[in-house]
Amino acid sequence: RWAGFDVVHFGNAPAPEAATSATDRVGHPEAARAALAALGCPKAESLTAFEPSPLTMASVTVGGDFASCSRLSGGAATDEGD
């Protein structure tokens, strides 16, 4: 558990992505936006792609622009549990 989120899986995307994004899987786009906010990615895009039986409410793909996300680029930690 980190910053109020459970990480249920991590791995590599099928191909490199240029931009970091979060995808809402259940019709609650605020979950995807909250994940991006926790990672310090203010410019990242939030999408919705429904899945019939999702394992998570949202998923995040970290792209080549990860340095623009303060929590991914060595920025100061501010949330609980750091």
PDB file of N, CA and C in Angstrom:
ATOM      1  N   ARG A   1       0.860  -1.166   0.000  1.00  0.00           N
ATOM      2  CA  ARG A   1       0.000   0.000   0.000  1.00  0.00           C
ATOM      3  C   ARG A   1       0.904   1.225   0.000  1.00  0.00           C
ATOM      4  N   TRP A   2       0.650   2.121  -0.930  1.00  0.00           N
ATOM      5  CA  TRP A   2       1.431   3.345  -1.027  1.00  0.00           C
ATOM      6  C   TRP A   2       0.493   4.495  -1.336  1.00  0.00           C
ATOM      7  N   ALA A   3       0.540   5.539  -0.531  1.00  0.00           N
ATOM      8  CA  ALA A   3      -0.273   6.737  -0.743  1.00  0.00           C
ATOM      9  C   ALA A   3      -1.750   6.406  -0.915  1.00  0.00           C
ATOM     10  N   GLY A   4      -2.217   5.344  -0.225  1.00  0.00           N
ATOM     11  CA  GLY A   4      -3.624   4.972  -0.305  1.00  0.00           C
ATOM     12  C   GLY A   4      -3.987   4.074  -1.468  1.00  0.00           C
ATOM     13  N   PHE A   5      -2.992   3.596  -2.197  1.00  0.00           N
ATOM     14  CA  PHE A   5      -3.240   2.742  -3.360  1.00  0.00           C
ATOM     15  C   PHE A   5      -2.628   1.370  -3.140  1.00  0.00           C
ATOM     16  N   ASP A   6      -3.295   0.352  -3.637  1.00  0.00           N
ATOM     17  CA  ASP A   6      -2.745  -0.996  -3.637  1.00  0.00           C
ATOM     18  C   ASP A   6      -2.205  -1.284  -5.025  1.00  0.00           C
ATOM     19  N   VAL A   7      -0.962  -1.734  -5.089  1.00  0.00           N
ATOM     20  CA  VAL A   7      -0.369  -2.135  -6.366  1.00  0.00           C
ATOM     21  C   VAL A   7      -0.606  -3.634  -6.486  1.00  0.00           C
ATOM     22  N   VAL A   8      -1.427  -4.030  -7.436  1.00  0.00           N
ATOM     23  CA  VAL A   8      -1.767  -5.443  -7.576  1.00  0.00           C
ATOM     24  C   VAL A   8      -0.959  -6.136  -8.666  1.00  0.00           C
ATOM     25  N   HIS A   9      -0.320  -5.363  -9.521  1.00  0.00           N
ATOM     26  CA  HIS A   9       0.517  -5.941 -10.578  1.00  0.00           C
ATOM     27  C   HIS A   9       1.429  -4.857 -11.119  1.00  0.00           C
ATOM     28  N   PHE A  10       2.616  -5.249 -11.491  1.00  0.00           N
ATOM     29  CA  PHE A  10       3.470  -4.332 -12.233  1.00  0.00           C
ATOM     30  C   PHE A  10       4.270  -5.143 -13.231  1.00  0.00           C
ATOM     31  N   GLY A  11       4.625  -4.509 -14.303  1.00  0.00           N
ATOM     32  CA  GLY A  11       5.372  -5.182 -15.359  1.00  0.00           C
ATOM     33  C   GLY A  11       5.604  -4.213 -16.494  1.00  0.00           C
ATOM     34  N   ASN A  12       5.961  -4.756 -17.625  1.00  0.00           N
ATOM     35  CA  ASN A  12       6.239  -3.929 -18.797  1.00  0.00           C
ATOM     36  C   ASN A  12       5.048  -3.898 -19.735  1.00  0.00           C
ATOM     37  N   ALA A  13       4.862  -2.759 -20.368  1.00  0.00           N
ATOM     38  CA  ALA A  13       3.828  -2.624 -21.398  1.00  0.00           C
ATOM     39  C   ALA A  13       4.281  -3.406 -22.627  1.00  0.00           C
ATOM     40  N   PRO A  14       3.347  -3.770 -23.499  1.00  0.00           N
ATOM     41  CA  PRO A  14       3.716  -4.513 -24.707  1.00  0.00           C
ATOM     42  C   PRO A  14       4.725  -3.767 -25.581  1.00  0.00           C
ATOM     43  N   ALA A  15       4.674  -2.446 -25.554  1.00  0.00           N
ATOM     44  CA  ALA A  15       5.600  -1.620 -26.329  1.00  0.00           C
ATOM     45  C   ALA A  15       5.833  -0.328 -25.551  1.00  0.00           C
ATOM     46  N   PRO A  16       6.966   0.327 -25.777  1.00  0.00           N
ATOM     47  CA  PRO A  16       7.212   1.594 -25.087  1.00  0.00           C
ATOM     48  C   PRO A  16       6.129   2.626 -25.396  1.00  0.00           C
ATOM     49  N   GLU A  17       5.779   3.391 -24.387  1.00  0.00           N
ATOM     50  CA  GLU A  17       4.808   4.475 -24.535  1.00  0.00           C
ATOM     51  C   GLU A  17       5.545   5.795 -24.356  1.00  0.00           C
ATOM     52  N   ALA A  18       5.209   6.775 -25.155  1.00  0.00           N
ATOM     53  CA  ALA A  18       5.851   8.086 -25.042  1.00  0.00           C
ATOM     54  C   ALA A  18       5.358   8.847 -23.822  1.00  0.00           C
ATOM     55  N   ALA A  19       4.072   8.702 -23.507  1.00  0.00           N
ATOM     56  CA  ALA A  19       3.464   9.510 -22.451  1.00  0.00           C
ATOM     57  C   ALA A  19       2.874   8.649 -21.340  1.00  0.00           C
ATOM     58  N   THR A  20       2.988   9.131 -20.126  1.00  0.00           N
ATOM     59  CA  THR A  20       2.373   8.493 -18.970  1.00  0.00           C
ATOM     60  C   THR A  20       0.873   8.745 -19.012  1.00  0.00           C
ATOM     61  N   SER A  21       0.095   7.719 -18.660  1.00  0.00           N
ATOM     62  CA  SER A  21      -1.359   7.867 -18.646  1.00  0.00           C
ATOM     63  C   SER A  21      -1.949   6.929 -17.601  1.00  0.00           C
ATOM     64  N   ALA A  22      -3.185   7.184 -17.245  1.00  0.00           N
ATOM     65  CA  ALA A  22      -3.930   6.298 -16.352  1.00  0.00           C
ATOM     66  C   ALA A  22      -5.254   5.986 -17.017  1.00  0.00           C
ATOM     67  N   THR A  23      -5.693   4.742 -16.863  1.00  0.00           N
ATOM     68  CA  THR A  23      -6.935   4.296 -17.482  1.00  0.00           C
ATOM     69  C   THR A  23      -7.919   3.843 -16.421  1.00  0.00           C
ATOM     70  N   ASP A  24      -9.077   4.461 -16.430  1.00  0.00           N
ATOM     71  CA  ASP A  24     -10.197   4.082 -15.568  1.00  0.00           C
ATOM     72  C   ASP A  24     -10.812   2.824 -16.168  1.00  0.00           C
ATOM     73  N   ARG A  25     -10.991   1.778 -15.367  1.00  0.00           N
ATOM     74  CA  ARG A  25     -11.526   0.505 -15.861  1.00  0.00           C
ATOM     75  C   ARG A  25     -12.984   0.267 -15.489  1.00  0.00           C
ATOM     76  N   VAL A  26     -13.534   1.078 -14.567  1.00  0.00           N
ATOM     77  CA  VAL A  26     -14.860   0.775 -14.018  1.00  0.00           C
ATOM     78  C   VAL A  26     -15.869   1.919 -14.080  1.00  0.00           C
ATOM     79  N   GLY A  27     -15.540   3.004 -14.747  1.00  0.00           N
ATOM     80  CA  GLY A  27     -16.470   4.125 -14.819  1.00  0.00           C
ATOM     81  C   GLY A  27     -16.317   5.131 -13.705  1.00  0.00           C
ATOM     82  N   HIS A  28     -15.155   5.152 -13.064  1.00  0.00           N
ATOM     83  CA  HIS A  28     -14.846   6.129 -12.019  1.00  0.00           C
ATOM     84  C   HIS A  28     -13.548   6.835 -12.400  1.00  0.00           C
ATOM     85  N   PRO A  29     -13.619   7.786 -13.326  1.00  0.00           N
ATOM     86  CA  PRO A  29     -12.394   8.438 -13.800  1.00  0.00           C
ATOM     87  C   PRO A  29     -11.601   9.136 -12.703  1.00  0.00           C
ATOM     88  N   GLU A  30     -12.260   9.455 -11.597  1.00  0.00           N
ATOM     89  CA  GLU A  30     -11.532  10.094 -10.505  1.00  0.00           C
ATOM     90  C   GLU A  30     -10.457   9.173  -9.935  1.00  0.00           C
ATOM     91  N   ALA A  31     -10.633   7.860 -10.020  1.00  0.00           N
ATOM     92  CA  ALA A  31      -9.615   6.920  -9.542  1.00  0.00           C
ATOM     93  C   ALA A  31      -8.351   7.024 -10.388  1.00  0.00           C
ATOM     94  N   ALA A  32      -8.506   7.120 -11.689  1.00  0.00           N
ATOM     95  CA  ALA A  32      -7.352   7.265 -12.580  1.00  0.00           C
ATOM     96  C   ALA A  32      -6.661   8.603 -12.330  1.00  0.00           C
ATOM     97  N   ARG A  33      -7.438   9.663 -12.175  1.00  0.00           N
ATOM     98  CA  ARG A  33      -6.852  10.984 -11.920  1.00  0.00           C
ATOM     99  C   ARG A  33      -6.137  11.014 -10.571  1.00  0.00           C
ATOM    100  N   ALA A  34      -6.692  10.328  -9.574  1.00  0.00           N
ATOM    101  CA  ALA A  34      -6.062  10.285  -8.252  1.00  0.00           C
ATOM    102  C   ALA A  34      -4.725   9.554  -8.307  1.00  0.00           C
ATOM    103  N   ALA A  35      -4.648   8.491  -9.088  1.00  0.00           N
ATOM    104  CA  ALA A  35      -3.384   7.766  -9.234  1.00  0.00           C
ATOM    105  C   ALA A  35      -2.329   8.663  -9.869  1.00  0.00           C
ATOM    106  N   LEU A  36      -2.712   9.401 -10.895  1.00  0.00           N
ATOM    107  CA  LEU A  36      -1.764  10.317 -11.539  1.00  0.00           C
ATOM    108  C   LEU A  36      -1.334  11.420 -10.579  1.00  0.00           C
ATOM    109  N   ALA A  37      -2.267  11.923  -9.792  1.00  0.00           N
ATOM    110  CA  ALA A  37      -1.929  12.965  -8.820  1.00  0.00           C
ATOM    111  C   ALA A  37      -0.949  12.433  -7.777  1.00  0.00           C
ATOM    112  N   ALA A  38      -1.152  11.202  -7.318  1.00  0.00           N
ATOM    113  CA  ALA A  38      -0.259  10.608  -6.325  1.00  0.00           C
ATOM    114  C   ALA A  38       1.151  10.432  -6.874  1.00  0.00           C
ATOM    115  N   LEU A  39       1.263  10.218  -8.169  1.00  0.00           N
ATOM    116  CA  LEU A  39       2.573  10.075  -8.810  1.00  0.00           C
ATOM    117  C   LEU A  39       3.167  11.422  -9.203  1.00  0.00           C
ATOM    118  N   GLY A  40       2.411  12.485  -9.007  1.00  0.00           N
ATOM    119  CA  GLY A  40       2.898  13.817  -9.351  1.00  0.00           C
ATOM    120  C   GLY A  40       2.971  14.056 -10.841  1.00  0.00           C
ATOM    121  N   CYS A  41       1.974  13.547 -11.574  1.00  0.00           N
ATOM    122  CA  CYS A  41       1.937  13.666 -13.038  1.00  0.00           C
ATOM    123  C   CYS A  41       0.805  14.602 -13.457  1.00  0.00           C
ATOM    124  N   PRO A  42       0.966  15.918 -13.294  1.00  0.00           N
ATOM    125  CA  PRO A  42      -0.138  16.839 -13.559  1.00  0.00           C
ATOM    126  C   PRO A  42      -0.540  16.942 -15.023  1.00  0.00           C
ATOM    127  N   LYS A  43       0.355  16.619 -15.935  1.00  0.00           N
ATOM    128  CA  LYS A  43       0.052  16.769 -17.360  1.00  0.00           C
ATOM    129  C   LYS A  43      -0.364  15.457 -18.023  1.00  0.00           C
ATOM    130  N   ALA A  44      -0.343  14.360 -17.281  1.00  0.00           N
ATOM    131  CA  ALA A  44      -0.662  13.054 -17.865  1.00  0.00           C
ATOM    132  C   ALA A  44      -2.146  12.944 -18.188  1.00  0.00           C
ATOM    133  N   GLU A  45      -2.442  12.162 -19.206  1.00  0.00           N
ATOM    134  CA  GLU A  45      -3.818  11.980 -19.673  1.00  0.00           C
ATOM    135  C   GLU A  45      -4.522  10.878 -18.884  1.00  0.00           C
ATOM    136  N   SER A  46      -5.802  11.097 -18.622  1.00  0.00           N
ATOM    137  CA  SER A  46      -6.658  10.113 -17.972  1.00  0.00           C
ATOM    138  C   SER A  46      -7.683   9.635 -18.998  1.00  0.00           C
ATOM    139  N   LEU A  47      -7.794   8.327 -19.158  1.00  0.00           N
ATOM    140  CA  LEU A  47      -8.682   7.719 -20.147  1.00  0.00           C
ATOM    141  C   LEU A  47      -9.692   6.815 -19.452  1.00  0.00           C
ATOM    142  N   THR A  48     -10.722   6.402 -20.168  1.00  0.00           N
ATOM    143  CA  THR A  48     -11.660   5.393 -19.674  1.00  0.00           C
ATOM    144  C   THR A  48     -11.746   4.276 -20.694  1.00  0.00           C
ATOM    145  N   ALA A  49     -11.583   3.045 -20.223  1.00  0.00           N
ATOM    146  CA  ALA A  49     -11.716   1.853 -21.064  1.00  0.00           C
ATOM    147  C   ALA A  49     -12.335   0.772 -20.188  1.00  0.00           C
ATOM    148  N   PHE A  50     -13.635   0.590 -20.311  1.00  0.00           N
ATOM    149  CA  PHE A  50     -14.341  -0.376 -19.474  1.00  0.00           C
ATOM    150  C   PHE A  50     -13.877  -1.798 -19.747  1.00  0.00           C
ATOM    151  N   GLU A  51     -13.815  -2.581 -18.676  1.00  0.00           N
ATOM    152  CA  GLU A  51     -13.530  -4.006 -18.769  1.00  0.00           C
ATOM    153  C   GLU A  51     -14.638  -4.735 -18.026  1.00  0.00           C
ATOM    154  N   PRO A  52     -15.082  -5.890 -18.519  1.00  0.00           N
ATOM    155  CA  PRO A  52     -16.195  -6.592 -17.879  1.00  0.00           C
ATOM    156  C   PRO A  52     -15.891  -7.081 -16.465  1.00  0.00           C
ATOM    157  N   SER A  53     -14.693  -7.555 -16.213  1.00  0.00           N
ATOM    158  CA  SER A  53     -14.315  -8.046 -14.881  1.00  0.00           C
ATOM    159  C   SER A  53     -12.917  -7.539 -14.543  1.00  0.00           C
ATOM    160  N   PRO A  54     -12.791  -6.250 -14.284  1.00  0.00           N
ATOM    161  CA  PRO A  54     -11.451  -5.696 -14.056  1.00  0.00           C
ATOM    162  C   PRO A  54     -10.861  -6.141 -12.726  1.00  0.00           C
ATOM    163  N   LEU A  55      -9.549  -6.275 -12.694  1.00  0.00           N
ATOM    164  CA  LEU A  55      -8.851  -6.585 -11.454  1.00  0.00           C
ATOM    165  C   LEU A  55      -8.608  -5.324 -10.634  1.00  0.00           C
ATOM    166  N   THR A  56      -8.639  -4.179 -11.298  1.00  0.00           N
ATOM    167  CA  THR A  56      -8.379  -2.911 -10.630  1.00  0.00           C
ATOM    168  C   THR A  56      -9.358  -1.850 -11.113  1.00  0.00           C
ATOM    169  N   MET A  57      -9.490  -0.793 -10.340  1.00  0.00           N
ATOM    170  CA  MET A  57     -10.325   0.334 -10.760  1.00  0.00           C
ATOM    171  C   MET A  57      -9.628   1.151 -11.836  1.00  0.00           C
ATOM    172  N   ALA A  58      -8.304   1.210 -11.758  1.00  0.00           N
ATOM    173  CA  ALA A  58      -7.536   2.007 -12.711  1.00  0.00           C
ATOM    174  C   ALA A  58      -6.168   1.373 -12.898  1.00  0.00           C
ATOM    175  N   SER A  59      -5.572   1.648 -14.039  1.00  0.00           N
ATOM    176  CA  SER A  59      -4.202   1.206 -14.279  1.00  0.00           C
ATOM    177  C   SER A  59      -3.399   2.384 -14.799  1.00  0.00           C
ATOM    178  N   VAL A  60      -2.109   2.366 -14.493  1.00  0.00           N
ATOM    179  CA  VAL A  60      -1.208   3.440 -14.900  1.00  0.00           C
ATOM    180  C   VAL A  60      -0.145   2.864 -15.815  1.00  0.00           C
ATOM    181  N   THR A  61       0.116   3.555 -16.904  1.00  0.00           N
ATOM    182  CA  THR A  61       1.216   3.215 -17.797  1.00  0.00           C
ATOM    183  C   THR A  61       2.225   4.352 -17.703  1.00  0.00           C
ATOM    184  N   VAL A  62       3.436   4.018 -17.288  1.00  0.00           N
ATOM    185  CA  VAL A  62       4.487   5.020 -17.172  1.00  0.00           C
ATOM    186  C   VAL A  62       5.195   5.121 -18.512  1.00  0.00           C
ATOM    187  N   GLY A  63       5.210   6.314 -19.058  1.00  0.00           N
ATOM    188  CA  GLY A  63       5.801   6.537 -20.368  1.00  0.00           C
ATOM    189  C   GLY A  63       7.185   7.153 -20.297  1.00  0.00           C
ATOM    190  N   GLY A  64       7.722   7.427 -21.452  1.00  0.00           N
ATOM    191  CA  GLY A  64       9.042   8.018 -21.560  1.00  0.00           C
ATOM    192  C   GLY A  64       9.145   9.401 -20.941  1.00  0.00           C
ATOM    193  N   ASP A  65       8.012  10.014 -20.682  1.00  0.00           N
ATOM    194  CA  ASP A  65       7.989  11.343 -20.061  1.00  0.00           C
ATOM    195  C   ASP A  65       7.973  11.276 -18.534  1.00  0.00           C
ATOM    196  N   PHE A  66       8.369  10.136 -17.964  1.00  0.00           N
ATOM    197  CA  PHE A  66       8.257   9.937 -16.520  1.00  0.00           C
ATOM    198  C   PHE A  66       8.961  11.021 -15.706  1.00  0.00           C
ATOM    199  N   ALA A  67       9.961  11.668 -16.274  1.00  0.00           N
ATOM    200  CA  ALA A  67      10.667  12.720 -15.539  1.00  0.00           C
ATOM    201  C   ALA A  67       9.760  13.913 -15.243  1.00  0.00           C
ATOM    202  N   SER A  68       8.645  14.036 -15.969  1.00  0.00           N
ATOM    203  CA  SER A  68       7.705  15.130 -15.698  1.00  0.00           C
ATOM    204  C   SER A  68       6.802  14.819 -14.507  1.00  0.00           C
ATOM    205  N   CYS A  69       6.885  13.606 -13.981  1.00  0.00           N
ATOM    206  CA  CYS A  69       6.111  13.187 -12.806  1.00  0.00           C
ATOM    207  C   CYS A  69       7.012  13.314 -11.580  1.00  0.00           C
ATOM    208  N   SER A  70       6.702  14.240 -10.706  1.00  0.00           N
ATOM    209  CA  SER A  70       7.595  14.547  -9.593  1.00  0.00           C
ATOM    210  C   SER A  70       7.898  13.351  -8.701  1.00  0.00           C
ATOM    211  N   ARG A  71       6.956  12.458  -8.516  1.00  0.00           N
ATOM    212  CA  ARG A  71       7.187  11.304  -7.641  1.00  0.00           C
ATOM    213  C   ARG A  71       7.949  10.186  -8.338  1.00  0.00           C
ATOM    214  N   LEU A  72       8.073  10.240  -9.656  1.00  0.00           N
ATOM    215  CA  LEU A  72       8.809   9.222 -10.405  1.00  0.00           C
ATOM    216  C   LEU A  72      10.215   9.679 -10.758  1.00  0.00           C
ATOM    217  N   SER A  73      10.477  10.959 -10.592  1.00  0.00           N
ATOM    218  CA  SER A  73      11.764  11.504 -11.014  1.00  0.00           C
ATOM    219  C   SER A  73      12.636  11.924  -9.835  1.00  0.00           C
ATOM    220  N   GLY A  74      12.355  11.359  -8.668  1.00  0.00           N
ATOM    221  CA  GLY A  74      13.164  11.676  -7.502  1.00  0.00           C
ATOM    222  C   GLY A  74      12.723  12.920  -6.767  1.00  0.00           C
ATOM    223  N   GLY A  75      11.497  13.378  -7.034  1.00  0.00           N
ATOM    224  CA  GLY A  75      10.965  14.552  -6.339  1.00  0.00           C
ATOM    225  C   GLY A  75      10.756  14.258  -4.865  1.00  0.00           C
ATOM    226  N   ALA A  76      10.570  15.274  -4.099  1.00  0.00           N
ATOM    227  CA  ALA A  76      10.390  15.124  -2.657  1.00  0.00           C
ATOM    228  C   ALA A  76       9.121  14.350  -2.343  1.00  0.00           C
ATOM    229  N   ALA A  77       9.210  13.421  -1.415  1.00  0.00           N
ATOM    230  CA  ALA A  77       8.053  12.636  -0.977  1.00  0.00           C
ATOM    231  C   ALA A  77       7.246  13.462   0.014  1.00  0.00           C
ATOM    232  N   THR A  78       5.933  13.467  -0.172  1.00  0.00           N
ATOM    233  CA  THR A  78       5.095  14.246   0.738  1.00  0.00           C
ATOM    234  C   THR A  78       3.936  13.454   1.301  1.00  0.00           C
ATOM    235  N   ASP A  79       3.599  12.307   0.725  1.00  0.00           N
ATOM    236  CA  ASP A  79       2.445  11.536   1.196  1.00  0.00           C
ATOM    237  C   ASP A  79       2.840  10.618   2.335  1.00  0.00           C
ATOM    238  N   GLU A  80       1.845  10.190   3.095  1.00  0.00           N
ATOM    239  CA  GLU A  80       2.075   9.267   4.190  1.00  0.00           C
ATOM    240  C   GLU A  80       2.669   7.966   3.671  1.00  0.00           C
ATOM    241  N   GLY A  81       3.414   7.296   4.507  1.00  0.00           N
ATOM    242  CA  GLY A  81       3.969   6.006   4.143  1.00  0.00           C
ATOM    243  C   GLY A  81       5.265   6.099   3.368  1.00  0.00           C
ATOM    244  N   ASP A  82       5.813   7.291   3.219  1.00  0.00           N
ATOM    245  CA  ASP A  82       7.077   7.427   2.495  1.00  0.00           C
ATOM    246  C   ASP A  82       8.230   7.206   3.437  1.00  0.00           C
TER     247      ASP A  82
END
